[in-house]
């Protein structure tokens, strides 16, 4: 068998694929996380669109950067697609990175917003205090709630 020299992929980007799949097979499962929570194409499109609307209201737009510092989760995938829908870039940072590296990576990338889960927020509150932070399952002074932003609609 020879090497494939050309791929026939009908989509220009992941958002085009998600839009098509959310219309043609909205109830098909896109992912199942380690707790067994599933997300369909339709659910992903709906939630990513709502989060994108909230991010847009926070000033995130085409060409901006949004840092995502969280473990693999449904919320991480929703965040990725929401950022891409706005034409913004994701800066994915390992949630276990040490404080000095996190500080450097955030300083170097200058994200408009940081989306982080509770463990990162609890461990890295000093570093994150310099940024606008959206917390997944986390509350605190200056922390915007991921769930609230998801609920506020496009």
Protein backbone atom coordinates (compact mmCIF):
# COMPACT_ATOMS: atom_id res chain seq x y z
CA UNK A 1 0.00 0.00 0.00
CA UNK A 2 1.43 3.39 -1.05
CA UNK A 3 1.41 6.64 0.83
CA UNK A 4 -1.64 8.83 0.59
CA UNK A 5 -0.67 11.95 -1.30
CA UNK A 6 -4.00 13.76 -1.09
CA UNK A 7 -6.79 13.79 1.43
CA UNK A 8 -10.37 14.34 0.40
CA UNK A 9 -11.77 16.29 3.34
CA UNK A 10 -14.85 18.37 2.55
CA UNK A 11 -14.42 20.99 5.28
CA UNK A 12 -12.19 24.05 5.43
CA UNK A 13 -12.06 24.07 9.23
CA UNK A 14 -13.54 22.37 12.31
CA UNK A 15 -16.36 24.92 12.60
CA UNK A 16 -17.65 24.08 9.11
CA UNK A 17 -17.61 20.39 10.02
CA UNK A 18 -19.41 21.00 13.32
CA UNK A 19 -22.06 23.14 11.64
CA UNK A 20 -22.73 20.44 9.05
CA UNK A 21 -22.79 17.63 11.61
CA UNK A 22 -25.01 19.63 13.98
CA UNK A 23 -27.55 19.91 11.17
CA UNK A 24 -27.24 16.47 9.57
CA UNK A 25 -26.78 14.36 12.72
CA UNK A 26 -27.51 16.54 15.76
CA UNK A 27 -28.21 13.61 18.08
CA UNK A 28 -25.07 11.62 17.26
CA UNK A 29 -22.57 11.57 20.11
CA UNK A 30 -19.48 13.70 19.52
CA UNK A 31 -17.67 12.73 22.72
CA UNK A 32 -18.00 10.94 26.03
CA UNK A 33 -15.82 12.13 28.89
CA UNK A 34 -14.21 10.00 31.59
CA UNK A 35 -17.23 10.46 33.88
CA UNK A 36 -19.49 9.13 31.13
CA UNK A 37 -20.99 12.52 30.26
CA UNK A 38 -21.78 12.66 26.55
CA UNK A 39 -22.08 15.59 24.21
CA UNK A 40 -23.87 15.38 20.87
CA UNK A 41 -22.99 17.42 17.80
CA UNK A 42 -26.14 19.49 18.34
CA UNK A 43 -25.32 20.11 22.02
CA UNK A 44 -21.73 21.05 21.20
CA UNK A 45 -22.83 23.51 18.51
CA UNK A 46 -25.44 25.08 20.79
CA UNK A 47 -23.13 25.42 23.80
CA UNK A 48 -20.15 26.62 21.77
CA UNK A 49 -22.36 29.23 20.07
CA UNK A 50 -23.62 30.47 23.44
CA UNK A 51 -20.13 30.64 24.92
CA UNK A 52 -18.86 32.39 21.78
CA UNK A 53 -21.56 35.02 22.24
CA UNK A 54 -20.48 35.57 25.83
CA UNK A 55 -16.81 35.75 24.85
CA UNK A 56 -17.68 38.27 22.15
CA UNK A 57 -19.44 40.44 24.72
CA UNK A 58 -16.22 40.28 26.77
CA UNK A 59 -14.36 41.75 23.79
CA UNK A 60 -12.90 38.58 22.28
CA UNK A 61 -12.81 38.76 18.51
CA UNK A 62 -10.98 37.71 15.36
CA UNK A 63 -7.24 37.40 15.93
CA UNK A 64 -7.41 37.63 19.72
CA UNK A 65 -5.98 34.92 21.96
CA UNK A 66 -7.81 32.97 24.65
CA UNK A 67 -5.82 30.76 27.00
CA UNK A 68 -7.35 27.43 27.96
CA UNK A 69 -5.73 25.95 31.06
CA UNK A 70 -7.71 22.91 32.07
CA UNK A 71 -7.75 19.15 32.08
CA UNK A 72 -9.46 17.24 29.28
CA UNK A 73 -13.18 17.85 29.71
CA UNK A 74 -16.41 18.60 27.92
CA UNK A 75 -15.92 22.26 28.92
CA UNK A 76 -12.46 22.32 27.30
CA UNK A 77 -13.92 21.13 23.99
CA UNK A 78 -16.79 23.64 24.18
CA UNK A 79 -14.22 26.36 24.88
CA UNK A 80 -12.07 25.38 21.89
CA UNK A 81 -14.97 25.51 19.47
CA UNK A 82 -16.33 28.76 20.96
CA UNK A 83 -12.97 30.48 20.50
CA UNK A 84 -12.60 29.17 16.96
CA UNK A 85 -16.13 30.38 16.09
CA UNK A 86 -14.95 33.92 16.82
CA UNK A 87 -11.84 33.55 14.66
CA UNK A 88 -9.71 33.85 17.76
CA UNK A 89 -6.73 31.66 18.59
CA UNK A 90 -6.51 29.21 21.45
CA UNK A 91 -3.44 29.09 23.63
CA UNK A 92 -3.60 25.66 25.19
CA UNK A 93 -1.52 25.41 28.34
CA UNK A 94 -0.91 22.23 30.31
CA UNK A 95 -2.91 22.55 33.55
CA UNK A 96 -0.04 20.93 35.46
CA UNK A 97 2.59 23.40 34.31
CA UNK A 98 4.60 25.08 37.06
CA UNK A 99 3.76 28.64 38.13
CA UNK A 100 6.81 30.22 36.51
CA UNK A 101 6.03 28.61 33.14
CA UNK A 102 2.34 29.49 33.37
CA UNK A 103 3.25 33.09 34.14
CA UNK A 104 5.65 33.19 31.19
CA UNK A 105 3.23 31.58 28.73
CA UNK A 106 0.36 33.86 29.70
CA UNK A 107 2.62 36.93 29.63
CA UNK A 108 4.01 35.97 26.24
CA UNK A 109 0.62 35.25 24.66
CA UNK A 110 -1.32 38.15 26.24
CA UNK A 111 -4.72 36.44 26.16
CA UNK A 112 -7.89 38.53 26.34
CA UNK A 113 -9.38 35.86 28.61
CA UNK A 114 -8.14 32.76 30.45
CA UNK A 115 -10.50 29.80 30.83
CA UNK A 116 -9.37 27.53 33.65
CA UNK A 117 -10.77 24.79 35.82
CA UNK A 118 -11.00 24.86 39.59
CA UNK A 119 -7.75 23.02 40.32
CA UNK A 120 -5.73 25.50 38.25
CA UNK A 121 -7.51 28.52 39.75
CA UNK A 122 -6.95 27.28 43.30
CA UNK A 123 -3.29 26.49 42.68
CA UNK A 124 -2.38 29.49 40.50
CA UNK A 125 -4.48 32.33 41.90
CA UNK A 126 -1.50 34.71 42.10
CA UNK A 127 -0.54 34.24 38.44
CA UNK A 128 -4.15 34.33 37.24
CA UNK A 129 -4.95 37.49 39.20
CA UNK A 130 -3.38 39.50 36.35
CA UNK A 131 -5.97 38.25 33.83
CA UNK A 132 -9.70 38.07 33.16
CA UNK A 133 -10.52 34.52 34.21
CA UNK A 134 -13.48 32.31 33.41
CA UNK A 135 -13.69 29.49 35.92
CA UNK A 136 -15.10 26.04 35.25
CA UNK A 137 -16.72 24.81 38.47
CA UNK A 138 -14.92 27.59 40.32
CA UNK A 139 -16.01 30.74 42.05
CA UNK A 140 -14.04 33.51 43.63
CA UNK A 141 -13.33 37.19 43.53
CA UNK A 142 -13.01 38.35 39.94
CA UNK A 143 -13.70 34.89 38.51
CA UNK A 144 -16.45 34.76 35.89
CA UNK A 145 -18.54 31.59 35.91
CA UNK A 146 -18.28 29.36 32.84
CA UNK A 147 -21.78 28.02 33.54
CA UNK A 148 -23.24 31.53 33.81
CA UNK A 149 -21.63 32.57 30.52
CA UNK A 150 -22.90 29.39 28.88
CA UNK A 151 -26.42 30.16 30.11
CA UNK A 152 -26.47 33.76 28.92
CA UNK A 153 -27.03 32.86 25.28
CA UNK A 154 -25.52 34.03 21.99
